[in-house]
N, C-alpha and C. Protein backbone atom coordinates (compact mmCIF):
# COMPACT_ATOMS: atom_id res chain seq x y z
N MET A 1 0.91 -1.04 -0.34
CA MET A 1 -0.01 -0.12 -0.18
C MET A 1 0.95 1.50 -0.30
N THR A 2 1.98 1.18 0.80
CA THR A 2 3.25 2.49 0.78
C THR A 2 3.57 2.45 -0.54
N ASP A 3 3.59 1.63 -1.66
CA ASP A 3 4.34 1.82 -3.02
C ASP A 3 3.50 2.61 -3.97
N SER A 4 2.42 2.89 -3.72
CA SER A 4 1.09 3.62 -4.35
C SER A 4 2.04 4.91 -4.57
N PRO A 5 1.79 5.73 -5.84
CA PRO A 5 2.49 7.06 -5.56
C PRO A 5 1.10 8.25 -4.83
N LEU A 6 -0.37 7.81 -5.01
CA LEU A 6 -0.89 8.29 -4.54
C LEU A 6 -0.89 8.42 -2.90
N TRP A 7 -0.89 7.60 -2.48
CA TRP A 7 -0.76 7.29 -0.61
C TRP A 7 0.55 8.22 -0.70
N ARG A 8 1.55 7.90 -1.12
CA ARG A 8 2.66 8.86 -0.83
C ARG A 8 2.58 10.43 -0.79
N ARG A 9 1.55 10.92 -1.71
CA ARG A 9 1.32 11.99 -1.75
C ARG A 9 0.07 12.72 -0.95
N PHE A 10 -0.59 11.42 -0.54
CA PHE A 10 -1.49 11.66 0.85
C PHE A 10 -0.74 12.02 1.93
N GLU A 11 0.31 10.94 2.54
CA GLU A 11 0.87 11.21 3.23
C GLU A 11 1.84 12.26 3.69
N SER A 12 2.30 13.00 2.55
CA SER A 12 3.53 13.81 2.42
C SER A 12 2.43 15.14 2.60
N GLY A 13 1.21 15.27 1.91
CA GLY A 13 0.34 16.61 2.25
C GLY A 13 0.62 17.48 1.37
N ASP A 14 1.67 17.31 0.27
CA ASP A 14 2.16 18.02 -1.16
C ASP A 14 0.71 18.59 -1.65
N GLY A 15 0.36 19.98 -1.85
CA GLY A 15 -0.76 20.32 -2.38
C GLY A 15 -1.91 20.78 -1.67
N PHE A 16 -2.87 21.45 -2.25
CA PHE A 16 -3.59 22.08 -1.33
C PHE A 16 -4.72 21.04 -1.70
N PHE A 17 -5.05 20.14 -2.55
CA PHE A 17 -5.87 18.89 -2.70
C PHE A 17 -5.76 18.06 -1.31
N TYR A 18 -4.31 17.48 -1.33
CA TYR A 18 -3.76 16.37 -0.25
C TYR A 18 -4.12 17.04 1.13
N LYS A 19 -3.55 18.20 1.16
CA LYS A 19 -3.79 18.81 2.79
C LYS A 19 -5.62 18.88 3.18
N ALA A 20 -6.40 19.37 2.09
CA ALA A 20 -7.56 19.03 2.12
C ALA A 20 -8.06 17.99 2.44
N LEU A 21 -7.94 17.13 1.70
CA LEU A 21 -7.96 15.83 1.46
C LEU A 21 -7.58 15.22 3.26
N ARG A 22 -6.67 15.72 3.59
CA ARG A 22 -6.23 14.92 4.75
C ARG A 22 -7.04 15.66 6.02
N LEU A 23 -7.10 17.10 6.06
CA LEU A 23 -8.24 17.33 6.71
C LEU A 23 -9.20 17.11 7.07
N ILE A 24 -9.94 16.91 6.00
CA ILE A 24 -11.35 16.01 5.75
C ILE A 24 -11.41 14.75 6.61
N VAL A 25 -10.34 13.98 6.06
CA VAL A 25 -10.26 12.73 6.90
C VAL A 25 -10.00 12.68 8.52
N PHE A 26 -9.11 13.75 8.96
CA PHE A 26 -8.94 13.95 10.49
C PHE A 26 -10.13 14.14 11.09
N ALA A 27 -10.61 15.37 10.24
CA ALA A 27 -12.20 15.99 11.15
C ALA A 27 -13.23 14.87 11.11
N GLY A 28 -13.17 14.05 10.28
CA GLY A 28 -14.21 12.55 10.40
C GLY A 28 -13.67 11.67 11.22
N CYS A 29 -12.72 11.37 11.57
CA CYS A 29 -12.19 10.65 12.56
C CYS A 29 -12.36 11.32 14.15
N VAL A 30 -12.01 12.30 14.16
CA VAL A 30 -12.37 13.11 15.25
C VAL A 30 -13.77 12.79 15.62
N PHE A 31 -14.91 13.26 14.57
CA PHE A 31 -15.85 12.86 15.18
C PHE A 31 -16.52 11.60 15.23
N LEU A 32 -16.22 10.96 14.61
CA LEU A 32 -16.30 9.26 14.84
C LEU A 32 -15.71 8.94 16.32
N LEU A 33 -14.50 9.16 16.82
CA LEU A 33 -13.68 8.93 18.03
C LEU A 33 -15.15 9.81 19.08
N CYS A 34 -15.18 11.14 18.86
CA CYS A 34 -16.13 11.80 19.72
C CYS A 34 -17.71 10.89 19.99
N PHE A 35 -18.07 10.50 18.88
CA PHE A 35 -18.88 9.93 18.53
C PHE A 35 -19.29 8.72 19.78
N THR A 36 -18.05 7.82 18.83
CA THR A 36 -17.85 6.48 20.02
C THR A 36 -17.78 6.33 21.10
N GLY A 37 -17.07 7.69 21.69
CA GLY A 37 -16.77 7.58 23.03
C GLY A 37 -17.79 7.76 23.95
N THR A 38 -18.87 8.50 23.49
CA THR A 38 -20.11 9.04 24.36
C THR A 38 -21.09 7.97 24.16
N LEU A 39 -21.00 6.89 23.54
CA LEU A 39 -21.93 5.68 23.54
C LEU A 39 -22.11 4.92 24.61
N PRO A 40 -23.52 4.90 25.27
CA PRO A 40 -23.13 3.58 26.12
C PRO A 40 -23.26 2.23 25.54
N LEU A 41 -22.63 0.99 25.73
CA LEU A 41 -22.26 0.01 25.09
C LEU A 41 -22.52 -0.84 26.12
N THR A 42 -22.76 -1.79 25.73
CA THR A 42 -22.80 -3.17 26.85
C THR A 42 -21.50 -3.64 26.36
N TRP A 43 -21.48 -4.99 27.21
CA TRP A 43 -19.96 -5.40 27.62
C TRP A 43 -19.98 -6.00 26.08
N PRO A 44 -20.74 -6.81 25.36
CA PRO A 44 -20.10 -7.52 24.32
C PRO A 44 -19.96 -6.26 23.14
N GLN A 45 -20.71 -5.25 22.98
CA GLN A 45 -20.62 -4.05 22.17
C GLN A 45 -19.11 -3.80 22.52
N GLN A 46 -18.82 -3.48 23.54
CA GLN A 46 -17.44 -2.66 24.00
C GLN A 46 -16.49 -3.73 23.37
N VAL A 47 -16.53 -5.20 23.71
CA VAL A 47 -15.61 -5.84 23.27
C VAL A 47 -15.31 -5.75 21.62
N VAL A 48 -16.18 -5.83 20.95
CA VAL A 48 -16.34 -5.63 19.57
C VAL A 48 -15.82 -4.43 19.17
N LEU A 49 -16.06 -3.46 20.22
CA LEU A 49 -15.51 -1.99 19.93
C LEU A 49 -13.78 -2.20 19.75
N GLY A 50 -13.47 -2.76 20.90
CA GLY A 50 -12.02 -2.72 21.18
C GLY A 50 -11.35 -3.65 20.08
N LEU A 51 -12.09 -4.83 20.16
CA LEU A 51 -11.32 -5.92 18.80
C LEU A 51 -11.11 -4.72 17.73
N LEU A 52 -12.26 -4.33 17.04
CA LEU A 52 -11.97 -3.21 16.09
C LEU A 52 -10.75 -2.44 15.91
N THR A 53 -10.89 -1.76 17.40
CA THR A 53 -9.65 -0.37 17.44
C THR A 53 -8.33 -1.17 17.36
N VAL A 54 -7.92 -2.53 18.00
CA VAL A 54 -7.00 -3.10 18.20
C VAL A 54 -6.67 -3.48 16.62
N LEU A 55 -7.28 -4.16 15.99
CA LEU A 55 -7.21 -4.29 14.34
C LEU A 55 -7.00 -3.22 13.54
N VAL A 56 -7.59 -2.12 13.76
CA VAL A 56 -7.31 -1.19 12.97
C VAL A 56 -6.16 -0.12 13.09
N VAL A 57 -5.35 -0.16 14.70
CA VAL A 57 -4.37 0.16 14.61
C VAL A 57 -3.21 -0.34 14.10
N ILE A 58 -3.59 -1.78 14.46
CA ILE A 58 -2.41 -2.37 13.92
C ILE A 58 -2.44 -2.68 12.26
N TRP A 59 -3.24 -2.28 11.71
CA TRP A 59 -3.24 -1.86 10.17
C TRP A 59 -2.68 -0.50 10.14
N LEU A 60 -2.89 0.36 10.52
CA LEU A 60 -2.42 1.74 10.19
C LEU A 60 -0.72 1.69 11.14
N ASP A 61 -0.43 1.04 11.77
CA ASP A 61 0.91 0.94 12.18
C ASP A 61 1.77 0.12 11.09
N ARG A 62 1.24 -1.08 10.53
CA ARG A 62 2.09 -1.49 9.21
C ARG A 62 2.20 -0.79 8.19
N SER A 63 0.89 -0.02 7.77
CA SER A 63 0.67 0.70 6.69
C SER A 63 1.94 1.65 6.43
N SER A 64 2.22 2.43 7.41
CA SER A 64 3.07 3.82 6.87
C SER A 64 3.65 3.69 8.39
N GLY A 65 4.97 4.53 8.20
CA GLY A 65 5.69 4.90 9.39
C GLY A 65 6.00 6.43 9.52
N SER A 66 4.99 7.01 9.30
CA SER A 66 4.79 8.57 9.00
C SER A 66 4.53 9.15 10.18
N SER A 67 4.93 10.35 10.81
CA SER A 67 4.17 11.13 11.87
C SER A 67 2.96 11.16 12.07
N ALA A 68 2.28 11.36 10.78
CA ALA A 68 0.89 11.27 10.86
C ALA A 68 0.48 9.95 11.93
N ILE A 69 1.00 8.89 11.32
CA ILE A 69 0.27 7.56 11.94
C ILE A 69 0.54 7.54 13.44
N THR A 70 1.50 7.98 13.49
CA THR A 70 2.20 7.97 14.96
C THR A 70 1.27 8.86 15.89
N LEU A 71 1.04 10.20 15.51
CA LEU A 71 -0.16 11.04 15.89
C LEU A 71 -1.54 10.44 16.18
N THR A 72 -1.73 9.46 15.31
CA THR A 72 -3.17 8.99 15.26
C THR A 72 -3.26 7.96 16.36
N LEU A 73 -2.11 7.07 16.12
CA LEU A 73 -2.28 6.17 17.04
C LEU A 73 -1.96 6.53 18.74
N MET A 74 -1.47 7.74 18.98
CA MET A 74 -1.17 8.43 20.25
C MET A 74 -2.74 8.91 20.64
N LEU A 75 -3.51 9.39 19.57
CA LEU A 75 -5.28 9.49 19.71
C LEU A 75 -6.15 8.56 19.86
N VAL A 76 -5.75 7.29 19.04
CA VAL A 76 -6.28 6.15 19.38
C VAL A 76 -6.15 5.53 21.41
N SER A 77 -5.00 5.82 21.37
CA SER A 77 -4.75 5.39 22.71
C SER A 77 -5.33 6.24 24.07
N VAL A 78 -5.44 7.83 23.15
CA VAL A 78 -6.32 8.51 24.37
C VAL A 78 -7.53 7.86 24.60
N PHE A 79 -7.95 7.78 23.22
CA PHE A 79 -9.89 7.05 23.15
C PHE A 79 -9.68 5.94 24.22
N SER A 80 -9.06 5.26 24.03
CA SER A 80 -9.08 3.99 24.75
C SER A 80 -9.13 4.07 25.74
N THR A 81 -8.37 5.13 26.48
CA THR A 81 -8.26 5.10 27.92
C THR A 81 -9.40 5.91 28.41
N PHE A 82 -9.90 7.02 27.67
CA PHE A 82 -11.39 7.75 27.95
C PHE A 82 -12.13 6.76 27.85
N ARG A 83 -12.31 5.85 27.05
CA ARG A 83 -13.44 4.83 27.05
C ARG A 83 -13.82 3.92 27.95
């Protein structure tokens, strides 16, 4: 996935389009984290959310080594602590 030139441009944020796209993705993810952070969940639902979070974090960690991914992993860690 990281060999794609589109992915490399998205990671670097070169150009207005990629900066705007990164901002939209970031805002959507923050909204999703805030929404799921305030939902009352039962234990089975909490387990599913935890497993999905772990799987997404593993996928993100292996997909790239950029500083944006590191910051995203930190944000997910804060979310997990908050949750």
